[in-house]
Amino acid sequence: MTKPTNIRVVLIPILGIVIGIGLGAVIVRAIGESPLETGRLLFTSAFGSAKGRSHTLFYATPLIFTGLAVAVGFRGGLFNIGAEGQLILAAFVTALAGIKLSFMPAWALVPACMLLAAAAGAAWAIIPAVLKVRFGVHEVINTIMMNFIAIGIVNYLVTGPFLAPGDQIPETALIAEAAHIPRAARLLAPFGVTLPSSVPLNASFLLAIAACCLVYVFLFRTKWGFEIRAVGLNPSAARAAGISVAKSIILAMGVSGALAAMVAINEVMGYRYRYYDGFSPGYGFLGIAVALLGRNHPFGVLCAALLFGALVQGGLTVDMLTERVSKDIVYVVQGIIIVAVASGAVLIHRRSRVKTRGVENVD
């Protein structure tokens, strides 16, 4: 039974991608453009040059973090829709730390900013976890409300007391140079790879890869990860086995919030070097799609995020170089892929329940 299940886990996302690309091609043909030429433009823009690949990885980086955040929650039976608020609050805290702690040397300031970002995201995520554990309030409602609260608080702070002096744009002052993390141009230069310094890809992508590995170890090789997965599969059985369901829920949400907060490292420490209000195009919500496509597995999340990053980078080029195809085709393809993957998962789940009932009836 294990092998067919594992095959389905891999085949469902692949089939969803094929359906998404296929229907996208039909739409492109219907509006009068060549699907082959559009596909060529999209692929070469995303992967055809070092600069294109760098932009693809840059767009994928925040989605890796938010995809992992949502996946950890899902594994614990939790639906964390609050990653958007968690990463926004963490980004502001990171910028504030980079400004207020400017007296610290780089070797201390960089990890301090990272730790404060993770702490802010984790603390914001733990609040709805505690409300769920203590009062039974569903985390979906809690996290949605917490998004609005975080966005409102940060918007007030960045347009008021922490607005950059003399600036009309809602953003903070620049963080200390010691809080910057290196960009890809600097990291790859010793290896003979030349990139413009303007390319935004930075060391946070390496941190995202490390996060995938650490989350895998945490979920599948530690006691805490096992308990989170056990609670996600069956809270009653986990409780009967002596596992603290409350602690597992709080731990899962805390880890989820800390992972979402890592988006701040890419945005504040590696890209803009300040907090810019409205910087997120919905990374927290896109993370739900990435986790779903990646089947809530760390390496599946990595692959899904890279796919979405490539679609974003390729979509920008398609928008510029074709007459009728806009970058919105990317969102259409993404939506079709997610619907196809979700539908396949639901059908398999129903089929497995029918088989289980059949076995019970025989018994």
Foldseek 3Di string as FASTA:
>chain_A
DVVVVVVLLVVLLVVLLVVLLVVLQVVCVVQPHHSVVLVVLLQCQCPVDPLNVLQLLLQLLLLLLLLLLQLLQLLLQAGQLQLLLLQLLLLQQLQVLLAVVLVDALVPSQVVSLVSLLQSQLVLLLVLLVCCVPPVDHNVVVSVVSSVVSLVVLQCCQVPVQPDPPDPFSWGDFGHLSNAFAAPQVVCVVVVDHDPSQRQHTPSSVVSVVVLVVSQCQLPPDPLNVLSNVNSVPVVVSVVVVRDSSVSSSVSSSNSRSSSNSVSCSPCRRGPRINGRPPDPSSNVVSVLLNLSLVSHSVSSSVSSSVLSSLQSSQCSSQVPDDRRHSCSSVSSSVSSSVSSVVSVVVVVVVVVVVVVVVVVVD
